[in-house]
Amino acid sequence: MKKQFLFLFTAAMLFISISTFAQKQDFTLVNKTGVVIHHVYITQHDSDTWGEDILGKDVFMDGEETDIQFHPIEDVCLWDLKIDDADGNAITWDSIDLCKWTVVTLHWDGSKATATFE
């Protein structure tokens, strides 16, 4: 009986820790780039591919914010983010720590991409 309880307790704690980790990576994205964003991609920092657009709406206007919810299957904190405008121009931000930050504000001055975090 003790072994069964210990196994169930351990399984429950593992599930809770995995669920909590995934929730920590959801974030609010704020567009302060000065451009209308048509696509948003996010990938693990060490990945070579971008995957699908996660924007979830037609366009993301300058000054707007949107909540990004995703559930990665791996315990990864560092993510890269890429946006595309209407002409297909891409801007990227590297090594965003989504375990630490819940608000990511993107900036673009016409030549350099920066971000602020909360």
Protein backbone atom coordinates (compact mmCIF):
# COMPACT_ATOMS: atom_id res chain seq x y z
CA MET A 1 0.00 0.00 0.00
CA LYS A 2 2.86 2.39 0.84
CA LYS A 3 4.57 1.70 -2.49
CA GLN A 4 1.35 2.39 -4.42
CA PHE A 5 0.82 5.66 -2.55
CA LEU A 6 4.42 6.72 -3.11
CA PHE A 7 4.14 5.96 -6.84
CA LEU A 8 0.87 7.93 -7.17
CA PHE A 9 2.31 10.84 -5.18
CA THR A 10 5.45 10.94 -7.34
CA ALA A 11 3.40 10.79 -10.55
CA ALA A 12 1.13 13.60 -9.34
CA MET A 13 4.08 15.84 -8.41
CA LEU A 14 5.71 15.22 -11.80
CA PHE A 15 2.49 16.14 -13.60
CA ILE A 16 2.10 19.32 -11.54
CA SER A 17 5.70 20.40 -12.19
CA ILE A 18 5.39 19.78 -15.95
CA SER A 19 2.05 21.66 -16.11
CA THR A 20 3.48 24.57 -14.14
CA PHE A 21 6.55 24.78 -16.39
CA ALA A 22 4.45 24.90 -19.58
CA GLN A 23 2.24 27.66 -18.16
CA LYS A 24 5.30 29.75 -17.31
CA GLN A 25 6.18 30.04 -20.99
CA ASP A 26 2.93 31.72 -22.07
CA PHE A 27 3.48 35.46 -22.59
CA THR A 28 2.04 38.73 -23.84
CA LEU A 29 3.60 40.05 -27.04
CA VAL A 30 3.55 43.82 -27.60
CA ASN A 31 4.20 45.31 -31.05
CA LYS A 32 6.19 48.55 -30.83
CA THR A 33 8.05 47.92 -34.09
CA GLY A 34 6.39 50.61 -36.18
CA VAL A 35 5.29 47.96 -38.71
CA VAL A 36 2.20 45.84 -39.19
CA ILE A 37 3.10 42.23 -38.38
CA HIS A 38 1.60 39.55 -40.61
CA HIS A 39 3.30 36.46 -39.15
CA VAL A 40 4.88 35.51 -35.83
CA TYR A 41 7.09 32.45 -35.43
CA ILE A 42 8.71 31.09 -32.29
CA THR A 43 11.20 28.26 -31.97
CA GLN A 44 13.57 26.83 -29.42
CA HIS A 45 16.83 28.76 -29.43
CA ASP A 46 18.88 25.78 -30.62
CA SER A 47 16.49 24.89 -33.48
CA ASP A 48 17.17 25.41 -37.18
CA THR A 49 13.49 25.62 -38.23
CA TRP A 50 10.69 28.08 -37.47
CA GLY A 51 7.53 26.00 -37.74
CA GLU A 52 4.09 27.52 -38.25
CA ASP A 53 2.80 31.06 -37.76
CA ILE A 54 1.42 31.42 -34.22
CA LEU A 55 -0.17 34.86 -34.60
CA GLY A 56 -3.70 33.50 -34.69
CA LYS A 57 -5.19 36.56 -36.39
CA ASP A 58 -4.85 38.35 -39.71
CA VAL A 59 -2.49 41.17 -38.70
CA PHE A 60 -0.86 42.54 -35.58
CA MET A 61 -0.92 46.34 -35.70
CA ASP A 62 1.78 48.57 -34.22
CA GLY A 63 0.83 49.42 -30.64
CA GLU A 64 -1.29 46.29 -30.12
CA GLU A 65 -0.64 43.40 -27.76
CA THR A 66 -1.69 39.78 -27.92
CA ASP A 67 -1.45 36.83 -25.58
CA ILE A 68 0.64 33.93 -26.85
CA GLN A 69 -0.17 30.55 -25.36
CA PHE A 70 1.75 27.49 -26.30
CA HIS A 71 2.66 24.24 -24.66
CA PRO A 72 6.12 23.03 -25.55
CA ILE A 73 6.86 19.42 -24.75
CA GLU A 74 10.41 20.10 -23.62
CA ASP A 75 11.73 21.99 -20.61
CA VAL A 76 13.24 24.85 -22.59
CA CYS A 77 13.44 28.46 -21.45
CA LEU A 78 15.28 30.18 -24.34
CA TRP A 79 13.27 30.87 -27.48
CA ASP A 80 13.84 32.80 -30.72
CA LEU A 81 11.08 34.90 -32.26
CA LYS A 82 10.64 36.04 -35.86
CA ILE A 83 8.08 38.37 -37.42
CA ASP A 84 7.23 39.04 -41.07
CA ASP A 85 5.62 42.18 -42.48
CA ALA A 86 3.32 42.42 -45.53
CA ASP A 87 6.28 42.43 -47.92
CA GLY A 88 7.86 39.34 -46.35
CA ASN A 89 10.64 41.27 -44.59
CA ALA A 90 11.72 39.37 -41.48
CA ILE A 91 13.01 40.60 -38.12
CA THR A 92 14.30 38.20 -35.47
CA TRP A 93 14.96 38.30 -31.75
CA ASP A 94 17.16 35.61 -30.16
CA SER A 95 17.37 33.98 -26.74
CA ILE A 96 14.17 35.26 -25.11
CA ASP A 97 13.85 33.64 -21.67
CA LEU A 98 10.16 32.72 -21.42
CA CYS A 99 10.64 31.13 -18.01
CA LYS A 100 11.62 34.55 -16.67
CA TRP A 101 9.50 37.06 -18.63
CA THR A 102 5.73 37.28 -19.17
CA VAL A 103 5.62 40.41 -21.35
CA VAL A 104 7.83 40.81 -24.44
CA THR A 105 7.75 44.19 -26.19
CA LEU A 106 9.31 44.21 -29.65
CA HIS A 107 11.07 47.33 -30.97
CA TRP A 108 12.53 48.11 -34.39
CA ASP A 109 14.31 51.36 -35.27
CA GLY A 110 14.63 50.59 -38.97
CA SER A 111 17.99 48.88 -38.65
CA LYS A 112 18.17 47.21 -35.23
CA ALA A 113 15.76 44.86 -33.45
CA THR A 114 15.54 45.18 -29.67
CA ALA A 115 13.08 44.04 -27.03
CA THR A 116 12.12 44.97 -23.51
CA PHE A 117 10.87 42.50 -20.95
CA GLU A 118 8.64 42.45 -17.91
